[in-house]
Amino acid sequence: MLKQPKSALEAFKILQKLVGEPYDGIRGKLPKWIPQKFIDQFKNTQYKLLIEQRYNPDQIKRYIANYPNNLDNLKLEMAHVNIPENIQVDIDRLWIIKYAIKIGEQKGLEILLAGKTARSFLHGQKEKEKENLKMGREKGTAKNKARAIAIKALAKQVNDALLRSPISARWNLDKRAEAIAKKLEKGTINIEGKPTPAKMESGKSYSSETIKGWIIGT
């Protein structure tokens, strides 16, 4: 922490010096597009943390950077920085203002004017990420199923074509399955209107044994 100023004038000079530095979350001034309500909150927080409680601005800067880690219910030894309880509300306010500035005026104002705290915003982001992950998995499962159905249909078409050929019609099951497997390796099928390699997600083609099962099934 910084040394306690000897007078109100000295405290004012210290704050003026910090306010004159580039904005970093605790030093400097906010952009003009930030609503006055938040500018006032920022100035009051600056004075409280830097003058009244004499925190080092670099320490506050670290608290802001590590605030999300302190909301993840991590064990104390796992958190990068342990933020004192009595200033967590202040750090929350500084974090959401800094984030709003980072993403720009339009989106930043939407977050600030919605009255979001850093805690509520970060929690919402985590829930959104979980939902997106779930939707991605469901979409992937549906796409893999569609691919498998399309490949099976393509294999049947190739098998039917072989059966119409006087020579290949006499091929045994293994030979026909091998011919279909080679065709699938080089061919493409359409999934959702787009050409897609006839491969499984692992990158391996369907085996001859699998294709033989399809031939028998048809």
C-alpha atoms as a PDB file:
ATOM      1  CA  MET A   1       0.000   0.000   0.000  1.00  0.00           C
ATOM      2  CA  LEU A   2       0.998   3.618  -0.543  1.00  0.00           C
ATOM      3  CA  LYS A   3       1.933   5.910   2.310  1.00  0.00           C
ATOM      4  CA  GLN A   4      -0.955   7.816   3.871  1.00  0.00           C
ATOM      5  CA  PRO A   5      -1.020  11.430   2.558  1.00  0.00           C
ATOM      6  CA  LYS A   6      -0.274  14.039   5.201  1.00  0.00           C
ATOM      7  CA  SER A   7      -3.015  16.399   4.056  1.00  0.00           C
ATOM      8  CA  ALA A   8      -6.083  16.659   1.842  1.00  0.00           C
ATOM      9  CA  LEU A   9      -4.013  18.703  -0.600  1.00  0.00           C
ATOM     10  CA  GLU A  10      -1.382  15.976  -0.838  1.00  0.00           C
ATOM     11  CA  ALA A  11      -4.106  13.361  -1.368  1.00  0.00           C
ATOM     12  CA  PHE A  12      -5.616  15.514  -4.132  1.00  0.00           C
ATOM     13  CA  LYS A  13      -2.231  15.837  -5.874  1.00  0.00           C
ATOM     14  CA  ILE A  14      -1.672  12.065  -5.712  1.00  0.00           C
ATOM     15  CA  LEU A  15      -5.087  11.388  -7.200  1.00  0.00           C
ATOM     16  CA  GLN A  16      -4.620  14.014  -9.903  1.00  0.00           C
ATOM     17  CA  LYS A  17      -1.339  12.367 -10.924  1.00  0.00           C
ATOM     18  CA  LEU A  18      -3.005   8.932 -11.158  1.00  0.00           C
ATOM     19  CA  VAL A  19      -5.980  10.345 -13.042  1.00  0.00           C
ATOM     20  CA  GLY A  20      -3.605  11.892 -15.574  1.00  0.00           C
ATOM     21  CA  GLU A  21      -2.107   8.496 -16.468  1.00  0.00           C
ATOM     22  CA  PRO A  22      -3.465   6.218 -19.254  1.00  0.00           C
ATOM     23  CA  TYR A  23      -6.596   4.255 -18.318  1.00  0.00           C
ATOM     24  CA  ASP A  24      -5.829   0.724 -17.108  1.00  0.00           C
ATOM     25  CA  GLY A  25      -8.880  -0.134 -15.020  1.00  0.00           C
ATOM     26  CA  ILE A  26      -8.023   2.011 -11.981  1.00  0.00           C
ATOM     27  CA  ARG A  27      -5.765   4.809 -13.246  1.00  0.00           C
ATOM     28  CA  GLY A  28      -6.808   7.417 -15.775  1.00  0.00           C
ATOM     29  CA  LYS A  29     -10.196   8.637 -16.970  1.00  0.00           C
ATOM     30  CA  LEU A  30     -13.110   6.852 -18.623  1.00  0.00           C
ATOM     31  CA  PRO A  31     -14.076   7.544 -22.265  1.00  0.00           C
ATOM     32  CA  LYS A  32     -16.627  10.311 -22.817  1.00  0.00           C
ATOM     33  CA  TRP A  33     -19.272   7.846 -24.062  1.00  0.00           C
ATOM     34  CA  ILE A  34     -19.513   6.224 -20.613  1.00  0.00           C
ATOM     35  CA  PRO A  35     -22.698   7.499 -18.850  1.00  0.00           C
ATOM     36  CA  GLN A  36     -22.078  10.012 -16.057  1.00  0.00           C
ATOM     37  CA  LYS A  37     -23.470   7.628 -13.440  1.00  0.00           C
ATOM     38  CA  PHE A  38     -20.605   5.194 -14.093  1.00  0.00           C
ATOM     39  CA  ILE A  39     -18.018   7.952 -14.335  1.00  0.00           C
ATOM     40  CA  ASP A  40     -19.060   9.096 -10.850  1.00  0.00           C
ATOM     41  CA  GLN A  41     -18.894   5.512  -9.544  1.00  0.00           C
ATOM     42  CA  PHE A  42     -15.433   5.114 -11.037  1.00  0.00           C
ATOM     43  CA  LYS A  43     -14.143   8.369  -9.508  1.00  0.00           C
ATOM     44  CA  ASN A  44     -15.564   7.470  -6.085  1.00  0.00           C
ATOM     45  CA  THR A  45     -13.981   4.020  -6.269  1.00  0.00           C
ATOM     46  CA  GLN A  46     -10.651   5.540  -7.297  1.00  0.00           C
ATOM     47  CA  TYR A  47     -10.703   7.868  -4.305  1.00  0.00           C
ATOM     48  CA  LYS A  48     -11.806   5.138  -1.895  1.00  0.00           C
ATOM     49  CA  LEU A  49      -9.198   2.554  -2.946  1.00  0.00           C
ATOM     50  CA  LEU A  50      -6.255   4.786  -3.815  1.00  0.00           C
ATOM     51  CA  ILE A  51      -6.608   7.631  -1.294  1.00  0.00           C
ATOM     52  CA  GLU A  52      -8.722   6.438   1.636  1.00  0.00           C
ATOM     53  CA  GLN A  53      -7.518   2.829   1.744  1.00  0.00           C
ATOM     54  CA  ARG A  54      -4.147   3.542   0.098  1.00  0.00           C
ATOM     55  CA  TYR A  55      -4.047   0.521  -2.190  1.00  0.00           C
ATOM     56  CA  ASN A  56      -1.266   0.442  -4.746  1.00  0.00           C
ATOM     57  CA  PRO A  57      -2.850   0.946  -8.207  1.00  0.00           C
ATOM     58  CA  ASP A  58      -0.852  -1.991  -9.604  1.00  0.00           C
ATOM     59  CA  GLN A  59      -2.363  -4.228  -6.914  1.00  0.00           C
ATOM     60  CA  ILE A  60      -5.889  -3.081  -7.840  1.00  0.00           C
ATOM     61  CA  LYS A  61      -5.047  -3.707 -11.496  1.00  0.00           C
ATOM     62  CA  ARG A  62      -4.117  -7.321 -10.604  1.00  0.00           C
ATOM     63  CA  TYR A  63      -7.338  -7.709  -8.607  1.00  0.00           C
ATOM     64  CA  ILE A  64      -9.356  -6.586 -11.647  1.00  0.00           C
ATOM     65  CA  ALA A  65      -7.509  -8.965 -13.990  1.00  0.00           C
ATOM     66  CA  ASN A  66      -8.006 -11.934 -11.666  1.00  0.00           C
ATOM     67  CA  TYR A  67     -11.556 -11.177 -10.563  1.00  0.00           C
ATOM     68  CA  PRO A  68     -13.125 -13.921 -12.768  1.00  0.00           C
ATOM     69  CA  ASN A  69     -10.901 -16.533 -11.081  1.00  0.00           C
ATOM     70  CA  ASN A  70     -12.275 -15.546  -7.695  1.00  0.00           C
ATOM     71  CA  LEU A  71     -15.820 -16.245  -8.899  1.00  0.00           C
ATOM     72  CA  ASP A  72     -15.105 -19.822 -10.011  1.00  0.00           C
ATOM     73  CA  ASN A  73     -15.313 -21.293  -6.508  1.00  0.00           C
ATOM     74  CA  LEU A  74     -11.650 -22.189  -6.755  1.00  0.00           C
ATOM     75  CA  LYS A  75      -9.750 -23.244  -3.692  1.00  0.00           C
ATOM     76  CA  LEU A  76      -7.769 -20.399  -2.207  1.00  0.00           C
ATOM     77  CA  GLU A  77      -4.442 -21.949  -3.185  1.00  0.00           C
ATOM     78  CA  MET A  78      -5.650 -22.298  -6.808  1.00  0.00           C
ATOM     79  CA  ALA A  79      -6.698 -18.662  -7.243  1.00  0.00           C
ATOM     80  CA  HIS A  80      -4.053 -16.373  -8.725  1.00  0.00           C
ATOM     81  CA  VAL A  81      -4.885 -13.503  -6.350  1.00  0.00           C
ATOM     82  CA  ASN A  82      -6.942 -13.476  -3.181  1.00  0.00           C
ATOM     83  CA  ILE A  83      -9.111 -10.330  -3.303  1.00  0.00           C
ATOM     84  CA  PRO A  84     -10.021  -8.904   0.134  1.00  0.00           C
ATOM     85  CA  GLU A  85     -13.733  -9.314   0.869  1.00  0.00           C
ATOM     86  CA  ASN A  86     -14.257  -5.671   1.812  1.00  0.00           C
ATOM     87  CA  ILE A  87     -13.348  -4.432  -1.699  1.00  0.00           C
ATOM     88  CA  GLN A  88     -14.847  -7.201  -3.874  1.00  0.00           C
ATOM     89  CA  VAL A  89     -17.877  -5.040  -4.756  1.00  0.00           C
ATOM     90  CA  ASP A  90     -15.498  -2.275  -5.877  1.00  0.00           C
ATOM     91  CA  ILE A  91     -13.436  -4.676  -7.996  1.00  0.00           C
ATOM     92  CA  ASP A  92     -16.643  -6.077  -9.502  1.00  0.00           C
ATOM     93  CA  ARG A  93     -17.637  -2.551 -10.565  1.00  0.00           C
ATOM     94  CA  LEU A  94     -14.195  -1.768 -11.991  1.00  0.00           C
ATOM     95  CA  TRP A  95     -14.109  -5.065 -13.919  1.00  0.00           C
ATOM     96  CA  ILE A  96     -17.474  -4.582 -15.666  1.00  0.00           C
ATOM     97  CA  ILE A  97     -16.568  -0.995 -16.629  1.00  0.00           C
ATOM     98  CA  LYS A  98     -13.213  -2.105 -18.037  1.00  0.00           C
ATOM     99  CA  TYR A  99     -14.852  -4.943 -19.960  1.00  0.00           C
ATOM    100  CA  ALA A 100     -17.467  -2.575 -21.408  1.00  0.00           C
ATOM    101  CA  ILE A 101     -14.706  -0.255 -22.617  1.00  0.00           C
ATOM    102  CA  LYS A 102     -12.804  -3.188 -24.117  1.00  0.00           C
ATOM    103  CA  ILE A 103     -15.718  -4.367 -26.295  1.00  0.00           C
ATOM    104  CA  GLY A 104     -16.562  -0.878 -27.528  1.00  0.00           C
ATOM    105  CA  GLU A 105     -19.241   1.762 -27.185  1.00  0.00           C
ATOM    106  CA  GLN A 106     -22.294  -0.016 -28.639  1.00  0.00           C
ATOM    107  CA  LYS A 107     -22.002  -3.375 -26.874  1.00  0.00           C
ATOM    108  CA  GLY A 108     -20.375  -1.811 -23.817  1.00  0.00           C
ATOM    109  CA  LEU A 109     -23.311   0.522 -23.253  1.00  0.00           C
ATOM    110  CA  GLU A 110     -25.746  -2.390 -23.603  1.00  0.00           C
ATOM    111  CA  ILE A 111     -24.025  -4.187 -20.717  1.00  0.00           C
ATOM    112  CA  LEU A 112     -23.705  -1.122 -18.476  1.00  0.00           C
ATOM    113  CA  LEU A 113     -27.242   0.169 -19.052  1.00  0.00           C
ATOM    114  CA  ALA A 114     -28.655  -3.312 -18.401  1.00  0.00           C
ATOM    115  CA  GLY A 115     -27.319  -2.912 -14.859  1.00  0.00           C
ATOM    116  CA  LYS A 116     -25.165  -6.015 -15.046  1.00  0.00           C
ATOM    117  CA  THR A 117     -22.521  -6.702 -12.422  1.00  0.00           C
ATOM    118  CA  ALA A 118     -19.360  -8.575 -13.344  1.00  0.00           C
ATOM    119  CA  ARG A 119     -20.618 -11.515 -11.266  1.00  0.00           C
ATOM    120  CA  SER A 120     -23.957 -11.761 -13.108  1.00  0.00           C
ATOM    121  CA  PHE A 121     -22.377 -11.144 -16.513  1.00  0.00           C
ATOM    122  CA  LEU A 122     -19.652 -13.779 -16.098  1.00  0.00           C
ATOM    123  CA  HIS A 123     -22.166 -16.297 -14.752  1.00  0.00           C
ATOM    124  CA  GLY A 124     -24.367 -15.661 -17.801  1.00  0.00           C
ATOM    125  CA  GLN A 125     -21.388 -16.148 -20.115  1.00  0.00           C
ATOM    126  CA  LYS A 126     -20.576 -19.494 -18.505  1.00  0.00           C
ATOM    127  CA  GLU A 127     -24.166 -20.688 -18.882  1.00  0.00           C
ATOM    128  CA  LYS A 128     -24.163 -19.550 -22.506  1.00  0.00           C
ATOM    129  CA  GLU A 129     -20.924 -21.450 -23.181  1.00  0.00           C
ATOM    130  CA  LYS A 130     -22.427 -24.606 -21.650  1.00  0.00           C
ATOM    131  CA  GLU A 131     -25.558 -24.245 -23.790  1.00  0.00           C
ATOM    132  CA  ASN A 132     -23.512 -23.658 -26.957  1.00  0.00           C
ATOM    133  CA  LEU A 133     -21.388 -26.721 -26.178  1.00  0.00           C
ATOM    134  CA  LYS A 134     -24.516 -28.816 -25.660  1.00  0.00           C
ATOM    135  CA  MET A 135     -26.048 -27.572 -28.922  1.00  0.00           C
ATOM    136  CA  GLY A 136     -22.772 -28.246 -30.744  1.00  0.00           C
ATOM    137  CA  ARG A 137     -22.692 -31.813 -29.491  1.00  0.00           C
ATOM    138  CA  GLU A 138     -26.318 -32.385 -30.475  1.00  0.00           C
ATOM    139  CA  LYS A 139     -25.701 -30.931 -33.924  1.00  0.00           C
ATOM    140  CA  GLY A 140     -22.591 -33.109 -34.318  1.00  0.00           C
ATOM    141  CA  THR A 141     -24.534 -36.229 -33.356  1.00  0.00           C
ATOM    142  CA  ALA A 142     -27.276 -35.422 -35.867  1.00  0.00           C
ATOM    143  CA  LYS A 143     -24.712 -34.716 -38.585  1.00  0.00           C
ATOM    144  CA  ASN A 144     -22.872 -37.996 -37.918  1.00  0.00           C
ATOM    145  CA  LYS A 145     -26.155 -39.897 -38.086  1.00  0.00           C
ATOM    146  CA  ALA A 146     -27.053 -38.209 -41.378  1.00  0.00           C
ATOM    147  CA  ARG A 147     -23.583 -39.026 -42.745  1.00  0.00           C
ATOM    148  CA  ALA A 148     -23.912 -42.688 -41.770  1.00  0.00           C
ATOM    149  CA  ILE A 149     -27.340 -42.964 -43.434  1.00  0.00           C
ATOM    150  CA  ALA A 150     -26.069 -41.253 -46.593  1.00  0.00           C
ATOM    151  CA  ILE A 151     -22.970 -43.471 -46.807  1.00  0.00           C
ATOM    152  CA  LYS A 152     -25.090 -46.576 -46.325  1.00  0.00           C
ATOM    153  CA  ALA A 153     -27.376 -45.446 -49.139  1.00  0.00           C
ATOM    154  CA  LEU A 154     -24.373 -44.722 -51.356  1.00  0.00           C
ATOM    155  CA  ALA A 155     -22.947 -48.161 -50.622  1.00  0.00           C
ATOM    156  CA  LYS A 156     -26.259 -49.746 -51.639  1.00  0.00           C
ATOM    157  CA  GLN A 157     -26.210 -47.811 -54.924  1.00  0.00           C
ATOM    158  CA  VAL A 158     -22.705 -49.061 -55.692  1.00  0.00           C
ATOM    159  CA  ASN A 159     -23.641 -52.641 -54.775  1.00  0.00           C
ATOM    160  CA  ASP A 160     -26.746 -52.510 -56.984  1.00  0.00           C
ATOM    161  CA  ALA A 161     -24.612 -51.212 -59.860  1.00  0.00           C
ATOM    162  CA  LEU A 162     -22.166 -54.099 -59.358  1.00  0.00           C
ATOM    163  CA  LEU A 163     -24.996 -56.610 -59.416  1.00  0.00           C
ATOM    164  CA  ARG A 164     -26.168 -55.247 -62.765  1.00  0.00           C
ATOM    165  CA  SER A 165     -22.733 -55.871 -64.267  1.00  0.00           C
ATOM    166  CA  PRO A 166     -22.386 -59.399 -65.763  1.00  0.00           C
ATOM    167  CA  ILE A 167     -18.861 -59.835 -64.383  1.00  0.00           C
ATOM    168  CA  SER A 168     -19.068 -58.139 -60.980  1.00  0.00           C
ATOM    169  CA  ALA A 169     -22.456 -59.738 -60.285  1.00  0.00           C
ATOM    170  CA  ARG A 170     -20.545 -62.995 -59.813  1.00  0.00           C
ATOM    171  CA  TRP A 171     -18.226 -61.436 -57.191  1.00  0.00           C
ATOM    172  CA  ASN A 172     -18.524 -62.823 -53.715  1.00  0.00           C
ATOM    173  CA  LEU A 173     -19.525 -60.715 -50.735  1.00  0.00           C
ATOM    174  CA  ASP A 174     -15.935 -59.874 -49.743  1.00  0.00           C
ATOM    175  CA  LYS A 175     -14.989 -58.660 -53.192  1.00  0.00           C
ATOM    176  CA  ARG A 176     -18.117 -56.496 -53.545  1.00  0.00           C
ATOM    177  CA  ALA A 177     -17.587 -54.990 -50.044  1.00  0.00           C
ATOM    178  CA  GLU A 178     -13.963 -54.222 -50.907  1.00  0.00           C
ATOM    179  CA  ALA A 179     -15.015 -52.489 -54.140  1.00  0.00           C
ATOM    180  CA  ILE A 180     -17.615 -50.426 -52.261  1.00  0.00           C
ATOM    181  CA  ALA A 181     -15.087 -49.477 -49.553  1.00  0.00           C
ATOM    182  CA  LYS A 182     -12.658 -48.175 -52.187  1.00  0.00           C
ATOM    183  CA  LYS A 183     -15.462 -46.231 -53.852  1.00  0.00           C
ATOM    184  CA  LEU A 184     -16.446 -44.621 -50.548  1.00  0.00           C
ATOM    185  CA  GLU A 185     -12.851 -43.610 -49.820  1.00  0.00           C
ATOM    186  CA  LYS A 186     -12.717 -41.522 -52.993  1.00  0.00           C
ATOM    187  CA  GLY A 187     -16.347 -40.477 -53.229  1.00  0.00           C
ATOM    188  CA  THR A 188     -18.317 -37.691 -51.623  1.00  0.00           C
ATOM    189  CA  ILE A 189     -21.865 -37.420 -50.373  1.00  0.00           C
ATOM    190  CA  ASN A 190     -24.041 -34.406 -49.672  1.00  0.00           C
ATOM    191  CA  ILE A 191     -24.760 -33.489 -46.035  1.00  0.00           C
ATOM    192  CA  GLU A 192     -26.959 -30.419 -45.541  1.00  0.00           C
ATOM    193  CA  GLY A 193     -26.465 -29.562 -49.206  1.00  0.00           C
ATOM    194  CA  LYS A 194     -22.669 -29.589 -48.987  1.00  0.00           C
ATOM    195  CA  PRO A 195     -20.255 -32.218 -50.412  1.00  0.00           C
ATOM    196  CA  THR A 196     -18.778 -34.191 -47.526  1.00  0.00           C
ATOM    197  CA  PRO A 197     -16.026 -36.854 -47.694  1.00  0.00           C
ATOM    198  CA  ALA A 198     -17.520 -40.295 -47.095  1.00  0.00           C
ATOM    199  CA  LYS A 199     -15.589 -40.741 -43.872  1.00  0.00           C
ATOM    200  CA  MET A 200     -16.425 -41.273 -40.249  1.00  0.00           C
ATOM    201  CA  GLU A 201     -15.554 -38.494 -37.797  1.00  0.00           C
ATOM    202  CA  SER A 202     -12.422 -40.383 -36.719  1.00  0.00           C
ATOM    203  CA  GLY A 203     -11.140 -40.044 -40.285  1.00  0.00           C
ATOM    204  CA  LYS A 204     -11.321 -43.773 -40.997  1.00  0.00           C
ATOM    205  CA  SER A 205     -13.477 -45.207 -43.785  1.00  0.00           C
ATOM    206  CA  TYR A 206     -16.188 -47.715 -42.953  1.00  0.00           C
ATOM    207  CA  SER A 207     -14.675 -51.178 -42.797  1.00  0.00           C
ATOM    208  CA  SER A 208     -15.435 -53.981 -45.267  1.00  0.00           C
ATOM    209  CA  GLU A 209     -17.090 -55.919 -42.436  1.00  0.00           C
ATOM    210  CA  THR A 210     -19.504 -53.049 -41.809  1.00  0.00           C
ATOM    211  CA  ILE A 211     -20.266 -52.750 -45.523  1.00  0.00           C
ATOM    212  CA  LYS A 212     -20.846 -56.510 -45.789  1.00  0.00           C
ATOM    213  CA  GLY A 213     -23.434 -56.160 -43.047  1.00  0.00           C
ATOM    214  CA  TRP A 214     -25.156 -53.444 -45.068  1.00  0.00           C
ATOM    215  CA  ILE A 215     -25.159 -55.625 -48.206  1.00  0.00           C
ATOM    216  CA  ILE A 216     -26.658 -58.559 -46.311  1.00  0.00           C
ATOM    217  CA  GLY A 217     -29.198 -56.222 -44.718  1.00  0.00           C
ATOM    218  CA  THR A 218     -30.416 -55.056 -48.103  1.00  0.00           C
END
